[in-house]
Amino acid sequence: MQISIDRERCIGAGQCALTAPKVFTQDDDGFSELLPDYEEALEGPMVKEAARACPVQAITVT
């Protein structure tokens, strides 16, 4: 599974971090980023749900 975050599009709503907190966090400016060891938490539907919950569709999961 590949995850990408379009940082130009991200508005820092934080829905990804709320939905999949073992994969996403927010940086000091409030924008989404992947946690360092996120690969260990990729099982289950929450990563795709986090991408779907993004209000500006800044997250792509393939």
PDB file of N, CA and C in Angstrom:
ATOM      1  N   MET A   1       0.843  -1.172   0.000  1.00  0.00           N
ATOM      2  CA  MET A   1       0.000   0.000   0.000  1.00  0.00           C
ATOM      3  C   MET A   1       0.891   1.239   0.000  1.00  0.00           C
ATOM      4  N   GLN A   2       0.599   2.137  -0.897  1.00  0.00           N
ATOM      5  CA  GLN A   2       1.318   3.410  -0.999  1.00  0.00           C
ATOM      6  C   GLN A   2       0.394   4.543  -0.552  1.00  0.00           C
ATOM      7  N   ILE A   3       0.927   5.445   0.248  1.00  0.00           N
ATOM      8  CA  ILE A   3       0.167   6.603   0.717  1.00  0.00           C
ATOM      9  C   ILE A   3       0.921   7.858   0.319  1.00  0.00           C
ATOM     10  N   SER A   4       0.200   8.804  -0.268  1.00  0.00           N
ATOM     11  CA  SER A   4       0.828  10.091  -0.558  1.00  0.00           C
ATOM     12  C   SER A   4      -0.091  11.208  -0.072  1.00  0.00           C
ATOM     13  N   ILE A   5       0.534  12.275   0.399  1.00  0.00           N
ATOM     14  CA  ILE A   5      -0.191  13.443   0.877  1.00  0.00           C
ATOM     15  C   ILE A   5       0.208  14.628   0.014  1.00  0.00           C
ATOM     16  N   ASP A   6      -0.766  15.245  -0.600  1.00  0.00           N
ATOM     17  CA  ASP A   6      -0.529  16.440  -1.412  1.00  0.00           C
ATOM     18  C   ASP A   6      -0.472  17.628  -0.460  1.00  0.00           C
ATOM     19  N   ARG A   7       0.735  18.041  -0.108  1.00  0.00           N
ATOM     20  CA  ARG A   7       0.918  19.108   0.873  1.00  0.00           C
ATOM     21  C   ARG A   7       0.458  20.468   0.344  1.00  0.00           C
ATOM     22  N   GLU A   8       0.362  20.611  -0.948  1.00  0.00           N
ATOM     23  CA  GLU A   8      -0.161  21.856  -1.523  1.00  0.00           C
ATOM     24  C   GLU A   8      -1.671  21.948  -1.302  1.00  0.00           C
ATOM     25  N   ARG A   9      -2.321  20.806  -1.226  1.00  0.00           N
ATOM     26  CA  ARG A   9      -3.772  20.752  -1.099  1.00  0.00           C
ATOM     27  C   ARG A   9      -4.227  20.671   0.362  1.00  0.00           C
ATOM     28  N   CYS A  10      -3.404  20.107   1.227  1.00  0.00           N
ATOM     29  CA  CYS A  10      -3.758  19.895   2.629  1.00  0.00           C
ATOM     30  C   CYS A  10      -4.085  21.224   3.313  1.00  0.00           C
ATOM     31  N   ILE A  11      -5.179  21.212   4.085  1.00  0.00           N
ATOM     32  CA  ILE A  11      -5.573  22.412   4.829  1.00  0.00           C
ATOM     33  C   ILE A  11      -5.431  22.214   6.339  1.00  0.00           C
ATOM     34  N   GLY A  12      -4.954  21.045   6.753  1.00  0.00           N
ATOM     35  CA  GLY A  12      -4.718  20.787   8.171  1.00  0.00           C
ATOM     36  C   GLY A  12      -5.975  20.520   8.974  1.00  0.00           C
ATOM     37  N   ALA A  13      -6.987  19.948   8.351  1.00  0.00           N
ATOM     38  CA  ALA A  13      -8.232  19.653   9.061  1.00  0.00           C
ATOM     39  C   ALA A  13      -8.030  18.586  10.137  1.00  0.00           C
ATOM     40  N   GLY A  14      -7.070  17.697   9.939  1.00  0.00           N
ATOM     41  CA  GLY A  14      -6.748  16.694  10.942  1.00  0.00           C
ATOM     42  C   GLY A  14      -7.615  15.454  10.941  1.00  0.00           C
ATOM     43  N   GLN A  15      -8.497  15.316   9.972  1.00  0.00           N
ATOM     44  CA  GLN A  15      -9.363  14.138   9.923  1.00  0.00           C
ATOM     45  C   GLN A  15      -8.571  12.847   9.750  1.00  0.00           C
ATOM     46  N   CYS A  16      -7.479  12.915   9.025  1.00  0.00           N
ATOM     47  CA  CYS A  16      -6.650  11.720   8.827  1.00  0.00           C
ATOM     48  C   CYS A  16      -6.036  11.265  10.147  1.00  0.00           C
ATOM     49  N   ALA A  17      -5.518  12.200  10.929  1.00  0.00           N
ATOM     50  CA  ALA A  17      -4.897  11.861  12.209  1.00  0.00           C
ATOM     51  C   ALA A  17      -5.928  11.356  13.215  1.00  0.00           C
ATOM     52  N   LEU A  18      -7.142  11.851  13.140  1.00  0.00           N
ATOM     53  CA  LEU A  18      -8.199  11.366  14.016  1.00  0.00           C
ATOM     54  C   LEU A  18      -8.667   9.974  13.618  1.00  0.00           C
ATOM     55  N   THR A  19      -8.706   9.710  12.321  1.00  0.00           N
ATOM     56  CA  THR A  19      -9.212   8.436  11.818  1.00  0.00           C
ATOM     57  C   THR A  19      -8.177   7.326  11.892  1.00  0.00           C
ATOM     58  N   ALA A  20      -6.933   7.624  11.566  1.00  0.00           N
ATOM     59  CA  ALA A  20      -5.857   6.616  11.565  1.00  0.00           C
ATOM     60  C   ALA A  20      -4.636   7.177  12.301  1.00  0.00           C
ATOM     61  N   PRO A  21      -4.713   7.303  13.625  1.00  0.00           N
ATOM     62  CA  PRO A  21      -3.634   7.947  14.387  1.00  0.00           C
ATOM     63  C   PRO A  21      -2.323   7.170  14.431  1.00  0.00           C
ATOM     64  N   LYS A  22      -2.320   5.918  14.017  1.00  0.00           N
ATOM     65  CA  LYS A  22      -1.084   5.145  13.973  1.00  0.00           C
ATOM     66  C   LYS A  22      -0.350   5.337  12.652  1.00  0.00           C
ATOM     67  N   VAL A  23      -0.990   6.041  11.717  1.00  0.00           N
ATOM     68  CA  VAL A  23      -0.402   6.275  10.392  1.00  0.00           C
ATOM     69  C   VAL A  23      -0.129   7.762  10.161  1.00  0.00           C
ATOM     70  N   PHE A  24      -1.074   8.620  10.534  1.00  0.00           N
ATOM     71  CA  PHE A  24      -0.973  10.052  10.251  1.00  0.00           C
ATOM     72  C   PHE A  24      -0.784  10.865  11.527  1.00  0.00           C
ATOM     73  N   THR A  25      -0.114  11.995  11.374  1.00  0.00           N
ATOM     74  CA  THR A  25      -0.001  12.992  12.433  1.00  0.00           C
ATOM     75  C   THR A  25      -0.047  14.357  11.762  1.00  0.00           C
ATOM     76  N   GLN A  26       0.102  15.399  12.545  1.00  0.00           N
ATOM     77  CA  GLN A  26       0.171  16.745  11.993  1.00  0.00           C
ATOM     78  C   GLN A  26       1.496  17.365  12.394  1.00  0.00           C
ATOM     79  N   ASP A  27       2.103  18.088  11.454  1.00  0.00           N
ATOM     80  CA  ASP A  27       3.387  18.725  11.734  1.00  0.00           C
ATOM     81  C   ASP A  27       3.177  19.982  12.575  1.00  0.00           C
ATOM     82  N   ASP A  28       4.229  20.710  12.838  1.00  0.00           N
ATOM     83  CA  ASP A  28       4.156  21.905  13.683  1.00  0.00           C
ATOM     84  C   ASP A  28       3.250  22.991  13.110  1.00  0.00           C
ATOM     85  N   ASP A  29       3.040  22.961  11.793  1.00  0.00           N
ATOM     86  CA  ASP A  29       2.158  23.933  11.150  1.00  0.00           C
ATOM     87  C   ASP A  29       0.726  23.427  11.040  1.00  0.00           C
ATOM     88  N   GLY A  30       0.479  22.192  11.501  1.00  0.00           N
ATOM     89  CA  GLY A  30      -0.866  21.630  11.473  1.00  0.00           C
ATOM     90  C   GLY A  30      -1.195  20.817  10.240  1.00  0.00           C
ATOM     91  N   PHE A  31      -0.233  20.638   9.349  1.00  0.00           N
ATOM     92  CA  PHE A  31      -0.491  19.897   8.119  1.00  0.00           C
ATOM     93  C   PHE A  31      -0.176  18.413   8.299  1.00  0.00           C
ATOM     94  N   SER A  32      -0.861  17.586   7.536  1.00  0.00           N
ATOM     95  CA  SER A  32      -0.727  16.139   7.657  1.00  0.00           C
ATOM     96  C   SER A  32       0.635  15.645   7.216  1.00  0.00           C
ATOM     97  N   GLU A  33       1.094  14.611   7.921  1.00  0.00           N
ATOM     98  CA  GLU A  33       2.293  13.900   7.527  1.00  0.00           C
ATOM     99  C   GLU A  33       2.197  12.477   8.055  1.00  0.00           C
ATOM    100  N   LEU A  34       2.986  11.619   7.461  1.00  0.00           N
ATOM    101  CA  LEU A  34       3.009  10.218   7.868  1.00  0.00           C
ATOM    102  C   LEU A  34       3.934  10.043   9.059  1.00  0.00           C
ATOM    103  N   LEU A  35       3.541   9.176   9.977  1.00  0.00           N
ATOM    104  CA  LEU A  35       4.404   8.849  11.109  1.00  0.00           C
ATOM    105  C   LEU A  35       5.602   8.038  10.622  1.00  0.00           C
ATOM    106  N   PRO A  36       6.731   8.104  11.303  1.00  0.00           N
ATOM    107  CA  PRO A  36       7.937   7.394  10.842  1.00  0.00           C
ATOM    108  C   PRO A  36       7.753   5.894  10.640  1.00  0.00           C
ATOM    109  N   ASP A  37       7.036   5.219  11.502  1.00  0.00           N
ATOM    110  CA  ASP A  37       6.868   3.764  11.397  1.00  0.00           C
ATOM    111  C   ASP A  37       5.465   3.389  10.948  1.00  0.00           C
ATOM    112  N   TYR A  38       4.879   4.187  10.054  1.00  0.00           N
ATOM    113  CA  TYR A  38       3.488   3.965   9.665  1.00  0.00           C
ATOM    114  C   TYR A  38       3.259   2.634   8.957  1.00  0.00           C
ATOM    115  N   GLU A  39       4.294   2.056   8.338  1.00  0.00           N
ATOM    116  CA  GLU A  39       4.122   0.815   7.588  1.00  0.00           C
ATOM    117  C   GLU A  39       3.580  -0.303   8.473  1.00  0.00           C
ATOM    118  N   GLU A  40       3.903  -0.269   9.761  1.00  0.00           N
ATOM    119  CA  GLU A  40       3.461  -1.308  10.687  1.00  0.00           C
ATOM    120  C   GLU A  40       1.960  -1.245  10.956  1.00  0.00           C
ATOM    121  N   ALA A  41       1.311  -0.136  10.640  1.00  0.00           N
ATOM    122  CA  ALA A  41      -0.109   0.048  10.958  1.00  0.00           C
ATOM    123  C   ALA A  41      -0.998   0.079   9.721  1.00  0.00           C
ATOM    124  N   LEU A  42      -0.539  -0.428   8.614  1.00  0.00           N
ATOM    125  CA  LEU A  42      -1.302  -0.322   7.370  1.00  0.00           C
ATOM    126  C   LEU A  42      -2.431  -1.339   7.224  1.00  0.00           C
ATOM    127  N   GLU A  43      -2.507  -2.305   8.100  1.00  0.00           N
ATOM    128  CA  GLU A  43      -3.569  -3.297   8.006  1.00  0.00           C
ATOM    129  C   GLU A  43      -4.900  -2.678   8.418  1.00  0.00           C
ATOM    130  N   GLY A  44      -5.952  -3.142   7.823  1.00  0.00           N
ATOM    131  CA  GLY A  44      -7.281  -2.688   8.193  1.00  0.00           C
ATOM    132  C   GLY A  44      -7.774  -1.546   7.326  1.00  0.00           C
ATOM    133  N   PRO A  45      -9.042  -1.208   7.483  1.00  0.00           N
ATOM    134  CA  PRO A  45      -9.691  -0.227   6.605  1.00  0.00           C
ATOM    135  C   PRO A  45      -9.475   1.236   6.978  1.00  0.00           C
ATOM    136  N   MET A  46      -8.838   1.524   8.112  1.00  0.00           N
ATOM    137  CA  MET A  46      -8.801   2.896   8.599  1.00  0.00           C
ATOM    138  C   MET A  46      -7.961   3.840   7.744  1.00  0.00           C
ATOM    139  N   VAL A  47      -6.944   3.332   7.063  1.00  0.00           N
ATOM    140  CA  VAL A  47      -6.137   4.202   6.213  1.00  0.00           C
ATOM    141  C   VAL A  47      -6.967   4.699   5.034  1.00  0.00           C
ATOM    142  N   LYS A  48      -7.698   3.804   4.411  1.00  0.00           N
ATOM    143  CA  LYS A  48      -8.562   4.225   3.294  1.00  0.00           C
ATOM    144  C   LYS A  48      -9.686   5.129   3.786  1.00  0.00           C
ATOM    145  N   GLU A  49     -10.177   4.876   4.972  1.00  0.00           N
ATOM    146  CA  GLU A  49     -11.211   5.737   5.555  1.00  0.00           C
ATOM    147  C   GLU A  49     -10.646   7.128   5.834  1.00  0.00           C
ATOM    148  N   ALA A  50      -9.403   7.200   6.279  1.00  0.00           N
ATOM    149  CA  ALA A  50      -8.767   8.494   6.519  1.00  0.00           C
ATOM    150  C   ALA A  50      -8.640   9.286   5.220  1.00  0.00           C
ATOM    151  N   ALA A  51      -8.291   8.619   4.142  1.00  0.00           N
ATOM    152  CA  ALA A  51      -8.202   9.294   2.843  1.00  0.00           C
ATOM    153  C   ALA A  51      -9.577   9.788   2.409  1.00  0.00           C
ATOM    154  N   ARG A  52     -10.588   8.974   2.620  1.00  0.00           N
ATOM    155  CA  ARG A  52     -11.945   9.360   2.255  1.00  0.00           C
ATOM    156  C   ARG A  52     -12.442  10.531   3.109  1.00  0.00           C
ATOM    157  N   ALA A  53     -12.025  10.585   4.373  1.00  0.00           N
ATOM    158  CA  ALA A  53     -12.478  11.630   5.285  1.00  0.00           C
ATOM    159  C   ALA A  53     -11.818  12.983   5.039  1.00  0.00           C
ATOM    160  N   CYS A  54     -10.734  13.006   4.282  1.00  0.00           N
ATOM    161  CA  CYS A  54     -10.048  14.271   4.019  1.00  0.00           C
ATOM    162  C   CYS A  54     -10.978  15.209   3.253  1.00  0.00           C
ATOM    163  N   PRO A  55     -11.262  16.398   3.803  1.00  0.00           N
ATOM    164  CA  PRO A  55     -12.216  17.295   3.144  1.00  0.00           C
ATOM    165  C   PRO A  55     -11.737  17.872   1.813  1.00  0.00           C
ATOM    166  N   VAL A  56     -10.438  17.832   1.559  1.00  0.00           N
ATOM    167  CA  VAL A  56      -9.921  18.374   0.292  1.00  0.00           C
ATOM    168  C   VAL A  56      -9.262  17.291  -0.560  1.00  0.00           C
ATOM    169  N   GLN A  57      -9.442  16.028  -0.158  1.00  0.00           N
ATOM    170  CA  GLN A  57      -8.921  14.879  -0.905  1.00  0.00           C
ATOM    171  C   GLN A  57      -7.423  14.997  -1.178  1.00  0.00           C
ATOM    172  N   ALA A  58      -6.678  15.338  -0.126  1.00  0.00           N
ATOM    173  CA  ALA A  58      -5.221  15.500  -0.242  1.00  0.00           C
ATOM    174  C   ALA A  58      -4.470  14.192  -0.081  1.00  0.00           C
ATOM    175  N   ILE A  59      -5.160  13.112   0.303  1.00  0.00           N
ATOM    176  CA  ILE A  59      -4.509  11.830   0.565  1.00  0.00           C
ATOM    177  C   ILE A  59      -4.884  10.833  -0.505  1.00  0.00           C
ATOM    178  N   THR A  60      -3.873  10.171  -1.052  1.00  0.00           N
ATOM    179  CA  THR A  60      -4.089   9.127  -2.047  1.00  0.00           C
ATOM    180  C   THR A  60      -3.540   7.821  -1.495  1.00  0.00           C
ATOM    181  N   VAL A  61      -4.349   6.774  -1.573  1.00  0.00           N
ATOM    182  CA  VAL A  61      -3.949   5.442  -1.133  1.00  0.00           C
ATOM    183  C   VAL A  61      -4.075   4.502  -2.325  1.00  0.00           C
ATOM    184  N   THR A  62      -2.963   3.875  -2.689  1.00  0.00           N
ATOM    185  CA  THR A  62      -2.990   2.937  -3.818  1.00  0.00           C
ATOM    186  C   THR A  62      -2.426   1.598  -3.411  1.00  0.00           C
TER     187      THR A  62
END
